[in-house]
Amino acid sequence: MPQARIAWFVMAHQKPRQLRWIIEALAEGGASTEPILLHVDLKSTLGLKPERRGTLAMARALAARYPTIRLMRPRFTNWGGWSLSRLHLTAIETALRLDPDWTHFVNLSGQCYPLQTLAAMRARLAAADGQVFVEMRPFASLPPDDWHLRWHPMREWPHKAIIRPGKRAPPADFELAFKGSQWSILPRPFCEWLQKAPVTGRITDYLSGLLLSDELLVQTLVANGPWRDRVAPHYGREIVWPGPKVMTAADLPSLLASPALIARKFDAARDAAVLHTLSDHLGLPHPEPHPH
């Protein structure tokens, strides 16, 4: 069976040291030919917060080193805003245009890191028979205080998404009944389908005014299309809530035993030992020396 070929989409807004870890892993020291789309939040270029400084400079340095990296135009993105969903859709469209050969689209934050070798990851995706890897949590299973059950209208400014008064009525022309993580793995045919499906426009028109659309977008596209019954048993991520928790060396037993493909989140400035152990275990490049 041929292996999958992955188009990676990395969204970063802070912690340039950590960004280097994930990009070096995906590039496999220059051995990989898989495309990497890299986006840096425009707010990071303003230098207003110490942890964001140097992120764009790091992204540019990595792009200069690895020709497989394509830097996307920086845009403002905000928690809860449509900007995150719009960027996801733009990245899918860009990946489809740039590379005709990838089979799966994987979105990541700048604080993710693999839990499996990239070869094992490709083999597992190739064996998944075109399934989407997405978390689908029915609204009926959510606690009463869940954000999405409040149907908050939202308006977004360049620096912030704000909740508007009132409550939106559920859509009448498609099903909106699932939420989940914004992190997913999408087969190319699904990405091609959503570009042309009439329901995509109805979904995006509605979600663009709803709070936290990034936890609804892929789930709603899946539920309203031909992939509804082609969802993988697990969405392939290891994330510890509440938080998400920053992984440390204390988490290594669970990380090494996890069936997930990718974990989030990591911070090399807080605990680089966990990254060194994982990179040694997976045979991935080290962007910095082992701590002594």
C-alpha atoms as a PDB file:
ATOM      1  CA  MET A   1       0.000   0.000   0.000  1.00  0.00           C
ATOM      2  CA  PRO A   2       1.457   3.411  -0.914  1.00  0.00           C
ATOM      3  CA  GLN A   3       2.095   5.848   1.926  1.00  0.00           C
ATOM      4  CA  ALA A   4       0.152   9.036   2.362  1.00  0.00           C
ATOM      5  CA  ARG A   5       1.665  12.387   1.477  1.00  0.00           C
ATOM      6  CA  ILE A   6       0.789  15.124   3.941  1.00  0.00           C
ATOM      7  CA  ALA A   7       0.241  18.833   3.467  1.00  0.00           C
ATOM      8  CA  TRP A   8       1.046  20.452   6.826  1.00  0.00           C
ATOM      9  CA  PHE A   9      -0.525  23.717   7.972  1.00  0.00           C
ATOM     10  CA  VAL A  10       1.087  25.307  11.035  1.00  0.00           C
ATOM     11  CA  MET A  11      -0.478  28.308  12.791  1.00  0.00           C
ATOM     12  CA  ALA A  12       1.908  30.165  15.105  1.00  0.00           C
ATOM     13  CA  HIS A  13       1.509  33.289  17.180  1.00  0.00           C
ATOM     14  CA  GLN A  14       4.159  32.987  19.892  1.00  0.00           C
ATOM     15  CA  LYS A  15       7.116  31.021  21.270  1.00  0.00           C
ATOM     16  CA  PRO A  16       9.547  31.013  18.329  1.00  0.00           C
ATOM     17  CA  ARG A  17      11.806  28.482  20.043  1.00  0.00           C
ATOM     18  CA  GLN A  18       8.950  25.988  20.170  1.00  0.00           C
ATOM     19  CA  LEU A  19       7.984  26.756  16.579  1.00  0.00           C
ATOM     20  CA  ARG A  20      11.422  25.625  15.496  1.00  0.00           C
ATOM     21  CA  TRP A  21      10.906  22.236  17.160  1.00  0.00           C
ATOM     22  CA  ILE A  22       7.748  21.397  15.214  1.00  0.00           C
ATOM     23  CA  ILE A  23       9.013  22.722  11.869  1.00  0.00           C
ATOM     24  CA  GLU A  24      12.334  20.877  12.138  1.00  0.00           C
ATOM     25  CA  ALA A  25      10.390  17.686  12.899  1.00  0.00           C
ATOM     26  CA  LEU A  26       8.073  18.078   9.901  1.00  0.00           C
ATOM     27  CA  ALA A  27      10.921  18.966   7.549  1.00  0.00           C
ATOM     28  CA  GLU A  28      12.903  15.920   8.759  1.00  0.00           C
ATOM     29  CA  GLY A  29      16.144  17.847   8.508  1.00  0.00           C
ATOM     30  CA  GLY A  30      15.432  18.720   4.885  1.00  0.00           C
ATOM     31  CA  ALA A  31      14.703  15.134   3.826  1.00  0.00           C
ATOM     32  CA  SER A  32      10.946  15.618   3.488  1.00  0.00           C
ATOM     33  CA  THR A  33       9.375  16.944   0.296  1.00  0.00           C
ATOM     34  CA  GLU A  34       5.952  17.446   1.868  1.00  0.00           C
ATOM     35  CA  PRO A  35       4.602  21.016   1.714  1.00  0.00           C
ATOM     36  CA  ILE A  36       4.432  23.050   4.917  1.00  0.00           C
ATOM     37  CA  LEU A  37       2.174  26.106   5.009  1.00  0.00           C
ATOM     38  CA  LEU A  38       3.231  28.387   7.855  1.00  0.00           C
ATOM     39  CA  HIS A  39       1.146  31.276   9.157  1.00  0.00           C
ATOM     40  CA  VAL A  40       2.191  33.785  11.817  1.00  0.00           C
ATOM     41  CA  ASP A  41      -0.505  35.919  13.448  1.00  0.00           C
ATOM     42  CA  LEU A  42      -0.124  39.534  12.401  1.00  0.00           C
ATOM     43  CA  LYS A  43      -0.353  40.633  16.050  1.00  0.00           C
ATOM     44  CA  SER A  44       2.921  38.809  16.655  1.00  0.00           C
ATOM     45  CA  THR A  45       4.713  41.288  14.419  1.00  0.00           C
ATOM     46  CA  LEU A  46       3.761  44.183  16.707  1.00  0.00           C
ATOM     47  CA  GLY A  47       6.016  43.013  19.547  1.00  0.00           C
ATOM     48  CA  LEU A  48       3.470  43.850  22.234  1.00  0.00           C
ATOM     49  CA  LYS A  49       3.975  40.639  24.248  1.00  0.00           C
ATOM     50  CA  PRO A  50       7.416  39.175  25.024  1.00  0.00           C
ATOM     51  CA  GLU A  51       6.429  35.590  24.158  1.00  0.00           C
ATOM     52  CA  ARG A  52       5.381  36.685  20.657  1.00  0.00           C
ATOM     53  CA  ARG A  53       8.538  38.565  19.761  1.00  0.00           C
ATOM     54  CA  GLY A  54      10.726  36.913  17.175  1.00  0.00           C
ATOM     55  CA  THR A  55       8.043  34.526  15.898  1.00  0.00           C
ATOM     56  CA  LEU A  56       7.915  35.970  12.385  1.00  0.00           C
ATOM     57  CA  ALA A  57      11.713  36.203  12.238  1.00  0.00           C
ATOM     58  CA  MET A  58      11.949  32.526  13.180  1.00  0.00           C
ATOM     59  CA  ALA A  59       9.353  31.614  10.543  1.00  0.00           C
ATOM     60  CA  ARG A  60      11.307  33.491   7.889  1.00  0.00           C
ATOM     61  CA  ALA A  61      14.574  31.849   8.927  1.00  0.00           C
ATOM     62  CA  LEU A  62      12.992  28.396   8.718  1.00  0.00           C
ATOM     63  CA  ALA A  63      11.470  29.171   5.314  1.00  0.00           C
ATOM     64  CA  ALA A  64      14.876  30.284   4.056  1.00  0.00           C
ATOM     65  CA  ARG A  65      16.354  26.979   5.224  1.00  0.00           C
ATOM     66  CA  TYR A  66      13.639  24.636   3.939  1.00  0.00           C
ATOM     67  CA  PRO A  67      12.224  25.218   0.437  1.00  0.00           C
ATOM     68  CA  THR A  68       9.145  23.118   1.247  1.00  0.00           C
ATOM     69  CA  ILE A  69       7.862  25.894   3.547  1.00  0.00           C
ATOM     70  CA  ARG A  70       5.409  28.406   2.140  1.00  0.00           C
ATOM     71  CA  LEU A  71       4.891  31.479   4.328  1.00  0.00           C
ATOM     72  CA  MET A  72       1.306  32.675   4.219  1.00  0.00           C
ATOM     73  CA  ARG A  73       0.467  36.360   4.376  1.00  0.00           C
ATOM     74  CA  PRO A  74       0.145  37.260   8.083  1.00  0.00           C
ATOM     75  CA  ARG A  75      -3.393  38.002   9.181  1.00  0.00           C
ATOM     76  CA  PHE A  76      -4.986  38.902  12.488  1.00  0.00           C
ATOM     77  CA  THR A  77      -6.533  35.891  14.223  1.00  0.00           C
ATOM     78  CA  ASN A  78      -8.503  35.932  17.451  1.00  0.00           C
ATOM     79  CA  TRP A  79      -9.826  33.415  19.940  1.00  0.00           C
ATOM     80  CA  GLY A  80     -13.498  32.805  19.222  1.00  0.00           C
ATOM     81  CA  GLY A  81     -13.450  34.690  15.926  1.00  0.00           C
ATOM     82  CA  TRP A  82     -14.230  33.675  12.362  1.00  0.00           C
ATOM     83  CA  SER A  83     -10.644  34.612  11.448  1.00  0.00           C
ATOM     84  CA  LEU A  84      -9.391  31.187  12.594  1.00  0.00           C
ATOM     85  CA  SER A  85     -11.920  29.303  10.473  1.00  0.00           C
ATOM     86  CA  ARG A  86     -11.338  31.555   7.470  1.00  0.00           C
ATOM     87  CA  LEU A  87      -7.592  30.956   7.735  1.00  0.00           C
ATOM     88  CA  HIS A  88      -8.153  27.192   7.872  1.00  0.00           C
ATOM     89  CA  LEU A  89     -10.217  27.309   4.679  1.00  0.00           C
ATOM     90  CA  THR A  90      -7.665  29.562   2.984  1.00  0.00           C
ATOM     91  CA  ALA A  91      -4.871  27.151   3.862  1.00  0.00           C
ATOM     92  CA  ILE A  92      -6.804  24.217   2.393  1.00  0.00           C
ATOM     93  CA  GLU A  93      -7.435  26.155  -0.808  1.00  0.00           C
ATOM     94  CA  THR A  94      -3.769  27.192  -0.993  1.00  0.00           C
ATOM     95  CA  ALA A  95      -2.534  23.644  -0.441  1.00  0.00           C
ATOM     96  CA  LEU A  96      -4.801  22.303  -3.188  1.00  0.00           C
ATOM     97  CA  ARG A  97      -3.483  24.905  -5.594  1.00  0.00           C
ATOM     98  CA  LEU A  98       0.205  24.500  -4.741  1.00  0.00           C
ATOM     99  CA  ASP A  99       0.651  20.726  -4.694  1.00  0.00           C
ATOM    100  CA  PRO A 100      -1.331  18.169  -6.726  1.00  0.00           C
ATOM    101  CA  ASP A 101       0.078  15.135  -4.942  1.00  0.00           C
ATOM    102  CA  TRP A 102      -0.690  15.382  -1.231  1.00  0.00           C
ATOM    103  CA  THR A 103      -3.314  12.996   0.126  1.00  0.00           C
ATOM    104  CA  HIS A 104      -4.029  14.422   3.598  1.00  0.00           C
ATOM    105  CA  PHE A 105      -4.215  17.919   5.100  1.00  0.00           C
ATOM    106  CA  VAL A 106      -3.115  18.271   8.738  1.00  0.00           C
ATOM    107  CA  ASN A 107      -3.502  21.491  10.728  1.00  0.00           C
ATOM    108  CA  LEU A 108      -1.219  22.151  13.694  1.00  0.00           C
ATOM    109  CA  SER A 109      -0.424  24.858  16.182  1.00  0.00           C
ATOM    110  CA  GLY A 110       3.120  26.065  16.673  1.00  0.00           C
ATOM    111  CA  GLN A 111       3.100  24.156  19.977  1.00  0.00           C
ATOM    112  CA  CYS A 112       2.330  20.683  18.614  1.00  0.00           C
ATOM    113  CA  TYR A 113       4.800  17.813  18.292  1.00  0.00           C
ATOM    114  CA  PRO A 114       4.565  14.313  16.750  1.00  0.00           C
ATOM    115  CA  LEU A 115       4.039  11.199  18.854  1.00  0.00           C
ATOM    116  CA  GLN A 116       4.682   8.804  15.967  1.00  0.00           C
ATOM    117  CA  THR A 117       7.368   8.721  13.307  1.00  0.00           C
ATOM    118  CA  LEU A 118       6.275  10.533  10.181  1.00  0.00           C
ATOM    119  CA  ALA A 119       6.593   7.277   8.240  1.00  0.00           C
ATOM    120  CA  ALA A 120       4.237   5.540  10.684  1.00  0.00           C
ATOM    121  CA  MET A 121       1.874   8.483  10.450  1.00  0.00           C
ATOM    122  CA  ARG A 122       1.795   8.303   6.653  1.00  0.00           C
ATOM    123  CA  ALA A 123       1.218   4.558   6.730  1.00  0.00           C
ATOM    124  CA  ARG A 124      -1.652   4.891   9.191  1.00  0.00           C
ATOM    125  CA  LEU A 125      -3.346   7.578   7.113  1.00  0.00           C
ATOM    126  CA  ALA A 126      -2.925   5.541   3.945  1.00  0.00           C
ATOM    127  CA  ALA A 127      -4.630   2.603   5.668  1.00  0.00           C
ATOM    128  CA  ALA A 128      -7.551   4.735   6.892  1.00  0.00           C
ATOM    129  CA  ASP A 129      -9.427   4.374   3.589  1.00  0.00           C
ATOM    130  CA  GLY A 130     -10.207   8.063   3.171  1.00  0.00           C
ATOM    131  CA  GLN A 131     -11.656   8.644   6.632  1.00  0.00           C
ATOM    132  CA  VAL A 132     -11.685  12.094   8.201  1.00  0.00           C
ATOM    133  CA  PHE A 133      -9.909  12.370  11.552  1.00  0.00           C
ATOM    134  CA  VAL A 134     -12.120  14.801  13.445  1.00  0.00           C
ATOM    135  CA  GLU A 135     -13.645  14.935  16.913  1.00  0.00           C
ATOM    136  CA  MET A 136     -17.459  14.797  16.642  1.00  0.00           C
ATOM    137  CA  ARG A 137     -19.206  15.574  19.944  1.00  0.00           C
ATOM    138  CA  PRO A 138     -23.013  15.684  19.632  1.00  0.00           C
ATOM    139  CA  PHE A 139     -24.579  18.785  21.147  1.00  0.00           C
ATOM    140  CA  ALA A 140     -26.894  16.449  23.069  1.00  0.00           C
ATOM    141  CA  SER A 141     -23.860  15.088  24.963  1.00  0.00           C
ATOM    142  CA  LEU A 142     -22.545  18.493  26.094  1.00  0.00           C
ATOM    143  CA  PRO A 143     -22.860  19.894  29.626  1.00  0.00           C
ATOM    144  CA  PRO A 144     -25.541  22.590  29.976  1.00  0.00           C
ATOM    145  CA  ASP A 145     -22.959  25.364  30.412  1.00  0.00           C
ATOM    146  CA  ASP A 146     -21.064  24.608  27.177  1.00  0.00           C
ATOM    147  CA  TRP A 147     -20.295  27.730  25.139  1.00  0.00           C
ATOM    148  CA  HIS A 148     -21.871  26.358  21.981  1.00  0.00           C
ATOM    149  CA  LEU A 149     -25.247  25.735  23.598  1.00  0.00           C
ATOM    150  CA  ARG A 150     -25.522  29.486  24.191  1.00  0.00           C
ATOM    151  CA  TRP A 151     -25.541  30.233  20.435  1.00  0.00           C
ATOM    152  CA  HIS A 152     -23.609  33.462  20.988  1.00  0.00           C
ATOM    153  CA  PRO A 153     -23.642  35.978  18.128  1.00  0.00           C
ATOM    154  CA  MET A 154     -20.123  37.288  17.521  1.00  0.00           C
ATOM    155  CA  ARG A 155     -18.530  40.305  15.899  1.00  0.00           C
ATOM    156  CA  GLU A 156     -14.813  40.390  15.197  1.00  0.00           C
ATOM    157  CA  TRP A 157     -12.439  43.327  15.105  1.00  0.00           C
ATOM    158  CA  PRO A 158      -8.772  43.042  14.065  1.00  0.00           C
ATOM    159  CA  HIS A 159      -7.645  42.679  17.684  1.00  0.00           C
ATOM    160  CA  LYS A 160     -10.540  40.835  19.308  1.00  0.00           C
ATOM    161  CA  ALA A 161     -13.759  38.871  18.838  1.00  0.00           C
ATOM    162  CA  ILE A 162     -16.621  40.133  20.987  1.00  0.00           C
ATOM    163  CA  ILE A 163     -19.883  38.491  22.022  1.00  0.00           C
ATOM    164  CA  ARG A 164     -22.963  40.356  20.860  1.00  0.00           C
ATOM    165  CA  PRO A 165     -26.197  40.414  22.861  1.00  0.00           C
ATOM    166  CA  GLY A 166     -28.889  37.855  22.221  1.00  0.00           C
ATOM    167  CA  LYS A 167     -28.960  34.329  20.941  1.00  0.00           C
ATOM    168  CA  ARG A 168     -28.782  33.118  17.359  1.00  0.00           C
ATOM    169  CA  ALA A 169     -31.469  30.836  16.026  1.00  0.00           C
ATOM    170  CA  PRO A 170     -30.133  27.491  14.797  1.00  0.00           C
ATOM    171  CA  PRO A 171     -29.737  27.269  11.012  1.00  0.00           C
ATOM    172  CA  ALA A 172     -32.725  26.005   9.053  1.00  0.00           C
ATOM    173  CA  ASP A 173     -30.965  24.805   5.892  1.00  0.00           C
ATOM    174  CA  PHE A 174     -28.252  22.508   7.307  1.00  0.00           C
ATOM    175  CA  GLU A 175     -27.573  20.496  10.455  1.00  0.00           C
ATOM    176  CA  LEU A 176     -25.484  22.097  13.200  1.00  0.00           C
ATOM    177  CA  ALA A 177     -25.364  19.457  15.907  1.00  0.00           C
ATOM    178  CA  PHE A 178     -21.688  18.598  16.523  1.00  0.00           C
ATOM    179  CA  LYS A 179     -18.654  20.321  17.993  1.00  0.00           C
ATOM    180  CA  GLY A 180     -15.103  19.247  18.705  1.00  0.00           C
ATOM    181  CA  SER A 181     -11.444  20.086  18.492  1.00  0.00           C
ATOM    182  CA  GLN A 182     -10.346  22.423  15.714  1.00  0.00           C
ATOM    183  CA  TRP A 183      -7.427  20.061  15.034  1.00  0.00           C
ATOM    184  CA  SER A 184      -8.208  17.544  12.314  1.00  0.00           C
ATOM    185  CA  ILE A 185      -6.753  15.415   9.514  1.00  0.00           C
ATOM    186  CA  LEU A 186      -8.616  15.707   6.229  1.00  0.00           C
ATOM    187  CA  PRO A 187      -8.258  13.503   3.137  1.00  0.00           C
ATOM    188  CA  ARG A 188      -7.754  15.375  -0.105  1.00  0.00           C
ATOM    189  CA  PRO A 189     -11.101  14.314  -1.643  1.00  0.00           C
ATOM    190  CA  PHE A 190     -12.893  15.887   1.342  1.00  0.00           C
ATOM    191  CA  CYS A 191     -10.934  19.116   0.843  1.00  0.00           C
ATOM    192  CA  GLU A 192     -11.798  19.125  -2.868  1.00  0.00           C
ATOM    193  CA  TRP A 193     -15.454  18.433  -2.094  1.00  0.00           C
ATOM    194  CA  LEU A 194     -15.812  21.323   0.342  1.00  0.00           C
ATOM    195  CA  GLN A 195     -14.444  23.745  -2.258  1.00  0.00           C
ATOM    196  CA  LYS A 196     -17.408  23.033  -4.551  1.00  0.00           C
ATOM    197  CA  ALA A 197     -20.250  21.827  -2.338  1.00  0.00           C
ATOM    198  CA  PRO A 198     -23.216  24.258  -2.222  1.00  0.00           C
ATOM    199  CA  VAL A 199     -23.651  23.561   1.503  1.00  0.00           C
ATOM    200  CA  THR A 200     -20.194  25.025   2.238  1.00  0.00           C
ATOM    201  CA  GLY A 201     -21.373  28.557   1.488  1.00  0.00           C
ATOM    202  CA  ARG A 202     -24.434  28.195   3.699  1.00  0.00           C
ATOM    203  CA  ILE A 203     -22.314  26.837   6.535  1.00  0.00           C
ATOM    204  CA  THR A 204     -19.646  29.540   6.308  1.00  0.00           C
ATOM    205  CA  ASP A 205     -22.229  32.338   6.023  1.00  0.00           C
ATOM    206  CA  TYR A 206     -23.843  31.201   9.251  1.00  0.00           C
ATOM    207  CA  LEU A 207     -20.721  30.334  11.231  1.00  0.00           C
ATOM    208  CA  SER A 208     -18.980  33.608  10.363  1.00  0.00           C
ATOM    209  CA  GLY A 209     -21.247  35.333  12.882  1.00  0.00           C
ATOM    210  CA  LEU A 210     -21.145  32.684  15.624  1.00  0.00           C
ATOM    211  CA  LEU A 211     -18.671  32.492  18.509  1.00  0.00           C
ATOM    212  CA  LEU A 212     -16.027  29.728  18.397  1.00  0.00           C
ATOM    213  CA  SER A 213     -16.710  28.641  14.835  1.00  0.00           C
ATOM    214  CA  ASP A 214     -13.336  26.884  14.646  1.00  0.00           C
ATOM    215  CA  GLU A 215     -14.758  24.128  16.880  1.00  0.00           C
ATOM    216  CA  LEU A 216     -17.757  23.725  14.566  1.00  0.00           C
ATOM    217  CA  LEU A 217     -16.508  24.195  11.010  1.00  0.00           C
ATOM    218  CA  VAL A 218     -15.084  20.807  10.041  1.00  0.00           C
ATOM    219  CA  GLN A 219     -17.630  18.972  12.181  1.00  0.00           C
ATOM    220  CA  THR A 220     -20.515  20.674  10.373  1.00  0.00           C
ATOM    221  CA  LEU A 221     -19.038  20.102   6.926  1.00  0.00           C
ATOM    222  CA  VAL A 222     -18.596  16.420   7.768  1.00  0.00           C
ATOM    223  CA  ALA A 223     -22.136  16.086   9.149  1.00  0.00           C
ATOM    224  CA  ASN A 224     -23.670  17.649   6.039  1.00  0.00           C
ATOM    225  CA  GLY A 225     -21.750  15.784   3.378  1.00  0.00           C
ATOM    226  CA  PRO A 226     -20.690  12.390   2.082  1.00  0.00           C
ATOM    227  CA  TRP A 227     -18.124  11.874   4.888  1.00  0.00           C
ATOM    228  CA  ARG A 228     -20.730  11.742   7.646  1.00  0.00           C
ATOM    229  CA  ASP A 229     -20.277   7.983   8.011  1.00  0.00           C
ATOM    230  CA  ARG A 230     -16.549   7.984   7.252  1.00  0.00           C
ATOM    231  CA  VAL A 231     -15.139   9.356  10.514  1.00  0.00           C
ATOM    232  CA  ALA A 232     -12.097   7.705  12.116  1.00  0.00           C
ATOM    233  CA  PRO A 233     -12.634   6.278  15.635  1.00  0.00           C
ATOM    234  CA  HIS A 234     -10.197   8.841  17.107  1.00  0.00           C
ATOM    235  CA  TYR A 235      -9.148  12.208  15.761  1.00  0.00           C
ATOM    236  CA  GLY A 236      -5.464  11.500  16.290  1.00  0.00           C
ATOM    237  CA  ARG A 237      -4.511  14.133  18.882  1.00  0.00           C
ATOM    238  CA  GLU A 238      -3.327  13.902  22.487  1.00  0.00           C
ATOM    239  CA  ILE A 239      -4.475  16.987  24.419  1.00  0.00           C
ATOM    240  CA  VAL A 240      -4.959  17.187  28.178  1.00  0.00           C
ATOM    241  CA  TRP A 241      -7.758  19.365  29.539  1.00  0.00           C
ATOM    242  CA  PRO A 242      -8.345  21.689  31.274  1.00  0.00           C
ATOM    243  CA  GLY A 243      -5.818  23.938  29.632  1.00  0.00           C
ATOM    244  CA  PRO A 244      -4.701  22.639  27.257  1.00  0.00           C
ATOM    245  CA  LYS A 245      -1.975  21.482  29.620  1.00  0.00           C
ATOM    246  CA  VAL A 246       1.657  22.153  28.703  1.00  0.00           C
ATOM    247  CA  MET A 247       3.342  18.756  28.469  1.00  0.00           C
ATOM    248  CA  THR A 248       6.400  18.039  30.619  1.00  0.00           C
ATOM    249  CA  ALA A 249       8.718  15.092  31.233  1.00  0.00           C
ATOM    250  CA  ALA A 250       6.180  13.853  33.786  1.00  0.00           C
ATOM    251  CA  ASP A 251       3.773  13.240  30.899  1.00  0.00           C
ATOM    252  CA  LEU A 252       6.189  11.033  28.952  1.00  0.00           C
ATOM    253  CA  PRO A 253       4.666   7.673  30.020  1.00  0.00           C
ATOM    254  CA  SER A 254       1.234   8.670  28.725  1.00  0.00           C
ATOM    255  CA  LEU A 255       2.663  10.348  25.617  1.00  0.00           C
ATOM    256  CA  LEU A 256       4.763   7.326  24.665  1.00  0.00           C
ATOM    257  CA  ALA A 257       1.807   4.989  25.241  1.00  0.00           C
ATOM    258  CA  SER A 258      -0.686   7.147  23.366  1.00  0.00           C
ATOM    259  CA  PRO A 259      -2.167   5.883  20.076  1.00  0.00           C
ATOM    260  CA  ALA A 260      -2.478   9.509  18.930  1.00  0.00           C
ATOM    261  CA  LEU A 261      -0.364  10.858  16.090  1.00  0.00           C
ATOM    262  CA  ILE A 262       0.294  14.349  17.449  1.00  0.00           C
ATOM    263  CA  ALA A 263       0.232  15.994  20.882  1.00  0.00           C
ATOM    264  CA  ARG A 264      -0.395  19.537  22.048  1.00  0.00           C
ATOM    265  CA  LYS A 265       0.909  21.556  23.665  1.00  0.00           C
ATOM    266  CA  PHE A 266       4.624  21.946  24.362  1.00  0.00           C
ATOM    267  CA  ASP A 267       6.869  24.792  25.432  1.00  0.00           C
ATOM    268  CA  ALA A 268      10.617  24.334  25.056  1.00  0.00           C
ATOM    269  CA  ALA A 269      11.223  27.264  27.396  1.00  0.00           C
ATOM    270  CA  ARG A 270       9.324  25.493  30.177  1.00  0.00           C
ATOM    271  CA  ASP A 271      10.393  21.883  29.598  1.00  0.00           C
ATOM    272  CA  ALA A 272      12.712  20.971  26.732  1.00  0.00           C
ATOM    273  CA  ALA A 273      13.486  17.531  28.182  1.00  0.00           C
ATOM    274  CA  VAL A 274      10.158  16.107  27.023  1.00  0.00           C
ATOM    275  CA  LEU A 275      10.898  17.267  23.473  1.00  0.00           C
ATOM    276  CA  HIS A 276      14.408  15.812  23.508  1.00  0.00           C
ATOM    277  CA  THR A 277      13.081  12.458  24.702  1.00  0.00           C
ATOM    278  CA  LEU A 278      10.356  12.371  22.047  1.00  0.00           C
ATOM    279  CA  SER A 279      12.727  13.409  19.264  1.00  0.00           C
ATOM    280  CA  ASP A 280      15.222  10.716  20.335  1.00  0.00           C
ATOM    281  CA  HIS A 281      12.445   8.131  20.459  1.00  0.00           C
ATOM    282  CA  LEU A 282      11.177   9.066  16.976  1.00  0.00           C
ATOM    283  CA  GLY A 283      14.540   9.713  15.353  1.00  0.00           C
ATOM    284  CA  LEU A 284      13.658  13.330  14.609  1.00  0.00           C
ATOM    285  CA  PRO A 285      16.133  16.228  14.377  1.00  0.00           C
ATOM    286  CA  HIS A 286      17.118  18.204  17.463  1.00  0.00           C
ATOM    287  CA  PRO A 287      16.998  21.947  16.859  1.00  0.00           C
ATOM    288  CA  GLU A 288      19.024  22.583  20.023  1.00  0.00           C
ATOM    289  CA  PRO A 289      21.549  20.678  22.184  1.00  0.00           C
ATOM    290  CA  HIS A 290      20.477  18.317  24.931  1.00  0.00           C
ATOM    291  CA  PRO A 291      20.145  20.067  28.309  1.00  0.00           C
ATOM    292  CA  HIS A 292      22.860  19.182  30.786  1.00  0.00           C
END
